C-alpha atoms as a PDB file:
ATOM      1  CA  MET A   1      68.539  -6.926 101.504  1.00  0.00           C
ATOM      2  CA  PRO A   2      66.301  -3.792 101.409  1.00  0.00           C
ATOM      3  CA  ARG A   3      67.079  -0.939  99.092  1.00  0.00           C
ATOM      4  CA  LYS A   4      68.353   2.397 100.357  1.00  0.00           C
ATOM      5  CA  LYS A   5      65.834   5.226 100.230  1.00  0.00           C
ATOM      6  CA  GLN A   6      66.761   7.535  97.375  1.00  0.00           C
ATOM      7  CA  GLN A   7      66.445  11.266  98.069  1.00  0.00           C
ATOM      8  CA  ASP A   8      65.417  12.471  94.598  1.00  0.00           C
ATOM      9  CA  PRO A   9      63.315  10.089  92.462  1.00  0.00           C
ATOM     10  CA  TYR A  10      64.215  12.018  89.282  1.00  0.00           C
ATOM     11  CA  VAL A  11      67.944  11.073  89.521  1.00  0.00           C
ATOM     12  CA  CYS A  12      69.106   7.758  88.067  1.00  0.00           C
ATOM     13  CA  PRO A  13      70.377   5.506  90.890  1.00  0.00           C
ATOM     14  CA  THR A  14      72.938   3.881  88.556  1.00  0.00           C
ATOM     15  CA  CYS A  15      74.578   6.743  86.664  1.00  0.00           C
ATOM     16  CA  GLY A  16      73.243   9.887  88.426  1.00  0.00           C
ATOM     17  CA  THR A  17      71.616  11.460  85.344  1.00  0.00           C
ATOM     18  CA  ARG A  18      68.635  13.716  86.121  1.00  0.00           C
ATOM     19  CA  VAL A  19      65.394  13.016  84.223  1.00  0.00           C
ATOM     20  CA  GLU A  20      62.707  15.685  83.665  1.00  0.00           C
ATOM     21  CA  LYS A  21      59.572  13.608  84.223  1.00  0.00           C
ATOM     22  CA  PRO A  22      58.458   9.979  84.620  1.00  0.00           C
ATOM     23  CA  GLU A  23      57.366   7.970  81.568  1.00  0.00           C
ATOM     24  CA  LYS A  24      54.378   6.539  83.377  1.00  0.00           C
ATOM     25  CA  THR A  25      52.627   7.241  86.709  1.00  0.00           C
ATOM     26  CA  TRP A  26      50.075   5.276  88.720  1.00  0.00           C
ATOM     27  CA  GLN A  27      48.436   5.476  92.130  1.00  0.00           C
ATOM     28  CA  LEU A  28      48.499   3.084  95.069  1.00  0.00           C
ATOM     29  CA  ILE A  29      45.800   3.586  97.704  1.00  0.00           C
ATOM     30  CA  SER A  30      46.356   2.261 101.218  1.00  0.00           C
ATOM     31  CA  PRO A  31      43.578  -0.056 102.400  1.00  0.00           C
ATOM     32  CA  ILE A  32      43.950   0.924 106.085  1.00  0.00           C
ATOM     33  CA  PRO A  33      43.908   4.512 107.411  1.00  0.00           C
ATOM     34  CA  ASP A  34      46.639   5.810 109.715  1.00  0.00           C
ATOM     35  CA  ALA A  35      46.224   6.899 113.369  1.00  0.00           C
ATOM     36  CA  GLN A  36      44.620  10.233 112.370  1.00  0.00           C
ATOM     37  CA  GLY A  37      42.111   8.511 110.067  1.00  0.00           C
ATOM     38  CA  ARG A  38      43.789   9.616 106.833  1.00  0.00           C
ATOM     39  CA  ILE A  39      44.043   7.478 103.696  1.00  0.00           C
ATOM     40  CA  THR A  40      47.463   7.552 102.000  1.00  0.00           C
ATOM     41  CA  ILE A  41      47.582   7.744  98.200  1.00  0.00           C
ATOM     42  CA  THR A  42      51.085   7.046  96.857  1.00  0.00           C
ATOM     43  CA  VAL A  43      51.895   8.251  93.330  1.00  0.00           C
ATOM     44  CA  MET A  44      54.538   5.986  91.773  1.00  0.00           C
ATOM     45  CA  GLY A  45      56.495   6.653  88.600  1.00  0.00           C
ATOM     46  CA  SER A  46      58.466   4.630  86.070  1.00  0.00           C
ATOM     47  CA  PHE A  47      61.628   6.410  84.888  1.00  0.00           C
ATOM     48  CA  SER A  48      64.296   5.751  82.261  1.00  0.00           C
ATOM     49  CA  CYS A  49      67.504   7.709  81.669  1.00  0.00           C
ATOM     50  CA  PRO A  50      69.157   8.386  78.276  1.00  0.00           C
ATOM     51  CA  ASN A  51      71.863   5.808  79.145  1.00  0.00           C
ATOM     52  CA  GLY A  52      69.292   2.987  79.115  1.00  0.00           C
ATOM     53  CA  HIS A  53      68.743   2.457  82.861  1.00  0.00           C
ATOM     54  CA  LYS A  54      65.201   2.047  84.169  1.00  0.00           C
ATOM     55  CA  TRP A  55      63.853   2.418  87.718  1.00  0.00           C
ATOM     56  CA  LYS A  56      60.650   2.964  89.692  1.00  0.00           C
ATOM     57  CA  ALA A  57      60.255   5.482  92.505  1.00  0.00           C
ATOM     58  CA  VAL A  58      57.708   7.294  94.656  1.00  0.00           C
ATOM     59  CA  VAL A  59      56.813  10.623  93.021  1.00  0.00           C
ATOM     60  CA  SER A  60      54.587  11.939  95.848  1.00  0.00           C
ATOM     61  CA  LYS A  61      52.292  10.946  98.698  1.00  0.00           C
ATOM     62  CA  ILE A  62      48.867  12.396  99.445  1.00  0.00           C
ATOM     63  CA  ARG A  63      47.206  11.910 102.829  1.00  0.00           C
ATOM     64  CA  ALA A  64      43.503  12.752 102.672  1.00  0.00           C
ATOM     65  CA  GLY A  65      40.826  12.721 105.363  1.00  0.00           C
ATOM     66  CA  GLY A  66      40.720  13.509 109.050  1.00  0.00           C
ATOM     67  CA  SER A  67      41.825  17.122 109.450  1.00  0.00           C
ATOM     68  CA  GLY A  68      42.483  17.968 105.795  1.00  0.00           C
ATOM     69  CA  VAL A  69      44.794  17.038 102.933  1.00  0.00           C
ATOM     70  CA  GLU A  70      48.587  16.751 103.172  1.00  0.00           C
ATOM     71  CA  VAL A  71      50.716  16.491 100.013  1.00  0.00           C
ATOM     72  CA  GLU A  72      54.302  15.238 100.321  1.00  0.00           C
ATOM     73  CA  GLY A  73      56.319  15.741  97.152  1.00  0.00           C
ATOM     74  CA  LYS A  74      59.760  16.795  95.981  1.00  0.00           C
ATOM     75  CA  LYS A  75      59.213  20.342  97.276  1.00  0.00           C
ATOM     76  CA  GLY A  76      58.359  19.173 100.813  1.00  0.00           C
ATOM     77  CA  VAL A  77      55.155  18.707 102.796  1.00  0.00           C
ATOM     78  CA  LYS A  78      52.200  21.007 102.108  1.00  0.00           C
ATOM     79  CA  LYS A  79      48.947  21.047 104.095  1.00  0.00           C
ATOM     80  CA  ILE A  80      45.735  22.016 102.309  1.00  0.00           C
ATOM     81  CA  ALA A  81      42.297  22.776 103.818  1.00  0.00           C
ATOM     82  CA  SER A  82      43.363  22.291 107.393  1.00  0.00           C
ATOM     83  CA  GLU A  83      40.756  23.556 109.836  1.00  0.00           C
ATOM     84  CA  GLU A  84      41.986  25.227 113.025  1.00  0.00           C
ATOM     85  CA  GLY A  85      40.456  24.051 116.273  1.00  0.00           C
ATOM     86  CA  GLU A  86      39.150  20.772 114.940  1.00  0.00           C
ATOM     87  CA  ASN A  87      40.878  18.821 117.718  1.00  0.00           C
ATOM     88  CA  GLU A  88      38.792  20.677 120.272  1.00  0.00           C
ATOM     89  CA  ARG A  89      35.616  19.822 118.379  1.00  0.00           C
ATOM     90  CA  ASP A  90      36.530  16.123 118.250  1.00  0.00           C
ATOM     91  CA  ARG A  91      37.261  16.052 121.952  1.00  0.00           C
ATOM     92  CA  GLY A  92      33.622  16.355 122.967  1.00  0.00           C
ATOM     93  CA  GLU A  93      31.965  17.899 126.006  1.00  0.00           C
ATOM     94  CA  VAL A  94      33.924  17.859 129.271  1.00  0.00           C
ATOM     95  CA  ILE A  95      31.906  17.161 132.429  1.00  0.00           C
ATOM     96  CA  GLU A  96      33.535  17.973 135.756  1.00  0.00           C
ATOM     97  CA  LEU A  97      32.226  16.477 139.007  1.00  0.00           C
ATOM     98  CA  ASP A  98      33.137  17.467 142.538  1.00  0.00           C
ATOM     99  CA  LEU A  99      32.960  14.486 144.883  1.00  0.00           C
ATOM    100  CA  SER A 100      32.212  16.700 147.869  1.00  0.00           C
ATOM    101  CA  ASP A 101      28.848  17.603 146.284  1.00  0.00           C
ATOM    102  CA  LEU A 102      27.683  13.981 146.481  1.00  0.00           C
ATOM    103  CA  ASP A 103      25.955  12.795 149.649  1.00  0.00           C
ATOM    104  CA  ARG A 104      27.333   9.810 151.544  1.00  0.00           C
ATOM    105  CA  GLU A 105      23.794   8.608 152.175  1.00  0.00           C
ATOM    106  CA  ASP A 106      23.195   7.998 148.467  1.00  0.00           C
ATOM    107  CA  PHE A 107      26.073   5.496 148.352  1.00  0.00           C
ATOM    108  CA  GLU A 108      25.122   3.753 151.600  1.00  0.00           C
ATOM    109  CA  ASP A 109      21.580   3.078 150.325  1.00  0.00           C
ATOM    110  CA  GLU A 110      22.924   1.403 147.175  1.00  0.00           C
ATOM    111  CA  GLU A 111      25.183  -0.975 149.139  1.00  0.00           C
ATOM    112  CA  ASP A 112      22.251  -2.496 151.131  1.00  0.00           C
END
């Protein structure tokens, strides 16, 4: 059965005691980018409370690439170095054609 997602990683899931900081942290890097082309770096932490309980939890997530950097931590989501108007640049040049400008004779020659 899957575990329930804990809201605050600094609170012991067994006894509810709040811990100041993790004993150890490490990073997990996703091998596949998401739909926006960003790579997700997950910072995990190993915690232990004074009552002797130990647990592991996600400390923060960093999504880098694409349109900038997004940091998701205990204080919420924060975007860094996001460029405005980048979606318009990625879209490319738009070419509009009016079918009434084309001659019918050009298409009839190609069919023969």
